[in-house]
Amino acid sequence: MRFGGLGGWEWIIILVIVIIVFGVGKLPQVGAALGQSIREFREATTKKDDEPNSDESTGENKA
């Protein structure tokens, strides 16, 4: 099964490299920081989509 264009062996290699770089003790902190970053990115993109464009709302043209 391929997830994100990567097969099983590729994910295993990436996991081993991450464990070597960060160590087993830091993995929960790294995972939490990554999750928080993704959450903040999603919130920022949905807020941007919800805000009306100031040029469209005022009817002004930049030309």
N, C-alpha and C. Protein backbone atom coordinates (compact mmCIF):
# COMPACT_ATOMS: atom_id res chain seq x y z
N MET A 1 0.85 -1.18 0.00
CA MET A 1 0.00 0.00 0.00
C MET A 1 0.89 1.24 0.00
N ARG A 2 0.58 2.16 -0.87
CA ARG A 2 1.39 3.36 -1.00
C ARG A 2 0.61 4.54 -0.44
N PHE A 3 1.25 5.25 0.48
CA PHE A 3 0.64 6.42 1.10
C PHE A 3 1.52 7.61 0.83
N GLY A 4 0.99 8.60 0.14
CA GLY A 4 1.77 9.79 -0.16
C GLY A 4 2.90 9.51 -1.12
N GLY A 5 2.75 8.49 -1.96
CA GLY A 5 3.80 8.17 -2.93
C GLY A 5 4.95 7.38 -2.33
N LEU A 6 4.85 6.99 -1.06
CA LEU A 6 5.91 6.24 -0.41
C LEU A 6 5.40 4.86 -0.01
N GLY A 7 6.23 3.85 -0.23
CA GLY A 7 5.88 2.49 0.14
C GLY A 7 6.28 2.19 1.57
N GLY A 8 6.11 0.96 1.99
CA GLY A 8 6.39 0.55 3.35
C GLY A 8 7.85 0.71 3.74
N TRP A 9 8.77 0.30 2.86
CA TRP A 9 10.19 0.40 3.17
C TRP A 9 10.64 1.85 3.30
N GLU A 10 10.09 2.73 2.49
CA GLU A 10 10.47 4.13 2.58
C GLU A 10 10.05 4.72 3.92
N TRP A 11 8.84 4.38 4.39
CA TRP A 11 8.37 4.88 5.68
C TRP A 11 9.22 4.34 6.83
N ILE A 12 9.63 3.08 6.72
CA ILE A 12 10.49 2.49 7.76
C ILE A 12 11.83 3.22 7.81
N ILE A 13 12.41 3.50 6.66
CA ILE A 13 13.69 4.21 6.61
C ILE A 13 13.54 5.61 7.19
N ILE A 14 12.46 6.31 6.85
CA ILE A 14 12.23 7.65 7.38
C ILE A 14 12.06 7.59 8.90
N LEU A 15 11.33 6.61 9.40
CA LEU A 15 11.13 6.47 10.84
C LEU A 15 12.45 6.21 11.56
N VAL A 16 13.30 5.36 11.00
CA VAL A 16 14.60 5.08 11.61
C VAL A 16 15.46 6.35 11.64
N ILE A 17 15.46 7.11 10.57
CA ILE A 17 16.23 8.36 10.53
C ILE A 17 15.71 9.35 11.57
N VAL A 18 14.40 9.46 11.71
CA VAL A 18 13.82 10.37 12.69
C VAL A 18 14.21 9.95 14.10
N ILE A 19 14.18 8.64 14.38
CA ILE A 19 14.57 8.16 15.70
C ILE A 19 16.04 8.45 15.97
N ILE A 20 16.88 8.29 14.96
CA ILE A 20 18.30 8.57 15.15
C ILE A 20 18.53 10.05 15.41
N VAL A 21 17.85 10.91 14.66
CA VAL A 21 18.07 12.35 14.78
C VAL A 21 17.52 12.90 16.10
N PHE A 22 16.28 12.56 16.43
CA PHE A 22 15.62 13.16 17.59
C PHE A 22 15.73 12.31 18.85
N GLY A 23 15.89 11.03 18.72
CA GLY A 23 15.91 10.14 19.87
C GLY A 23 14.50 9.75 20.27
N VAL A 24 14.39 8.64 20.96
CA VAL A 24 13.08 8.12 21.33
C VAL A 24 12.37 9.04 22.32
N GLY A 25 13.10 9.66 23.21
CA GLY A 25 12.51 10.52 24.23
C GLY A 25 11.87 11.78 23.68
N LYS A 26 12.37 12.28 22.56
CA LYS A 26 11.86 13.53 21.99
C LYS A 26 10.71 13.32 21.01
N LEU A 27 10.45 12.08 20.61
CA LEU A 27 9.41 11.85 19.60
C LEU A 27 8.03 12.37 20.00
N PRO A 28 7.57 12.18 21.24
CA PRO A 28 6.26 12.75 21.59
C PRO A 28 6.22 14.27 21.46
N GLN A 29 7.30 14.94 21.84
CA GLN A 29 7.35 16.40 21.74
C GLN A 29 7.35 16.83 20.28
N VAL A 30 8.10 16.13 19.45
CA VAL A 30 8.15 16.45 18.02
C VAL A 30 6.78 16.24 17.39
N GLY A 31 6.12 15.13 17.74
CA GLY A 31 4.78 14.85 17.22
C GLY A 31 3.77 15.90 17.64
N ALA A 32 3.84 16.31 18.90
CA ALA A 32 2.90 17.33 19.39
C ALA A 32 3.14 18.67 18.70
N ALA A 33 4.40 19.03 18.51
CA ALA A 33 4.71 20.29 17.83
C ALA A 33 4.25 20.26 16.38
N LEU A 34 4.44 19.12 15.73
CA LEU A 34 3.99 18.98 14.34
C LEU A 34 2.48 19.08 14.24
N GLY A 35 1.78 18.41 15.15
CA GLY A 35 0.32 18.47 15.16
C GLY A 35 -0.19 19.87 15.41
N GLN A 36 0.44 20.59 16.33
CA GLN A 36 0.03 21.96 16.61
C GLN A 36 0.28 22.86 15.40
N SER A 37 1.40 22.66 14.72
CA SER A 37 1.71 23.46 13.54
C SER A 37 0.69 23.23 12.44
N ILE A 38 0.32 21.98 12.22
CA ILE A 38 -0.68 21.67 11.19
C ILE A 38 -2.02 22.27 11.57
N ARG A 39 -2.40 22.18 12.85
CA ARG A 39 -3.66 22.75 13.32
C ARG A 39 -3.71 24.26 13.11
N GLU A 40 -2.61 24.95 13.45
CA GLU A 40 -2.56 26.41 13.28
C GLU A 40 -2.60 26.78 11.80
N PHE A 41 -1.95 26.00 10.96
CA PHE A 41 -1.97 26.27 9.53
C PHE A 41 -3.39 26.14 8.98
N ARG A 42 -4.08 25.09 9.38
CA ARG A 42 -5.47 24.90 8.92
C ARG A 42 -6.37 26.04 9.38
N GLU A 43 -6.21 26.46 10.65
CA GLU A 43 -7.02 27.57 11.16
C GLU A 43 -6.74 28.85 10.39
N ALA A 44 -5.47 29.10 10.09
CA ALA A 44 -5.11 30.32 9.36
C ALA A 44 -5.68 30.30 7.95
N THR A 45 -5.64 29.14 7.29
CA THR A 45 -6.16 29.08 5.93
C THR A 45 -7.68 29.18 5.90
N THR A 46 -8.36 28.61 6.89
CA THR A 46 -9.82 28.74 6.89
C THR A 46 -10.25 30.15 7.25
N LYS A 47 -9.51 30.82 8.13
CA LYS A 47 -9.83 32.21 8.46
C LYS A 47 -9.63 33.11 7.25
N LYS A 48 -8.59 32.85 6.47
CA LYS A 48 -8.33 33.64 5.28
C LYS A 48 -9.44 33.44 4.26
N ASP A 49 -9.94 32.22 4.12
CA ASP A 49 -11.01 31.94 3.19
C ASP A 49 -12.32 32.58 3.64
N ASP A 50 -12.53 32.71 4.96
CA ASP A 50 -13.76 33.27 5.48
C ASP A 50 -13.81 34.79 5.37
N GLU A 51 -12.65 35.45 5.37
CA GLU A 51 -12.61 36.91 5.32
C GLU A 51 -12.90 37.40 3.90
N PRO A 52 -13.77 38.38 3.77
CA PRO A 52 -14.02 38.93 2.43
C PRO A 52 -12.81 39.75 1.97
N ASN A 53 -12.61 39.77 0.68
CA ASN A 53 -11.52 40.55 0.11
C ASN A 53 -11.86 42.03 0.23
N SER A 54 -10.96 42.84 0.75
CA SER A 54 -11.25 44.26 1.01
C SER A 54 -11.52 45.01 -0.30
N ASP A 55 -10.86 44.62 -1.39
CA ASP A 55 -11.09 45.30 -2.65
C ASP A 55 -12.48 45.01 -3.19
N GLU A 56 -12.95 43.79 -3.02
CA GLU A 56 -14.27 43.43 -3.52
C GLU A 56 -15.38 44.05 -2.68
N SER A 57 -15.15 44.17 -1.38
CA SER A 57 -16.20 44.69 -0.52
C SER A 57 -16.38 46.20 -0.67
N THR A 58 -15.32 46.93 -0.99
CA THR A 58 -15.44 48.38 -1.12
C THR A 58 -15.78 48.78 -2.54
N GLY A 59 -15.57 47.89 -3.48
CA GLY A 59 -15.87 48.22 -4.87
C GLY A 59 -14.80 49.05 -5.53
N GLU A 60 -13.64 49.17 -4.90
CA GLU A 60 -12.57 49.97 -5.47
C GLU A 60 -11.79 49.16 -6.48
N ASN A 61 -11.32 49.84 -7.51
CA ASN A 61 -10.44 49.22 -8.50
C ASN A 61 -9.04 49.75 -8.33
N LYS A 62 -8.06 48.90 -8.54
CA LYS A 62 -6.67 49.33 -8.40
C LYS A 62 -6.15 49.94 -9.67
N ALA A 63 -6.90 49.95 -10.74
CA ALA A 63 -6.43 50.46 -12.02
C ALA A 63 -6.40 51.95 -12.09
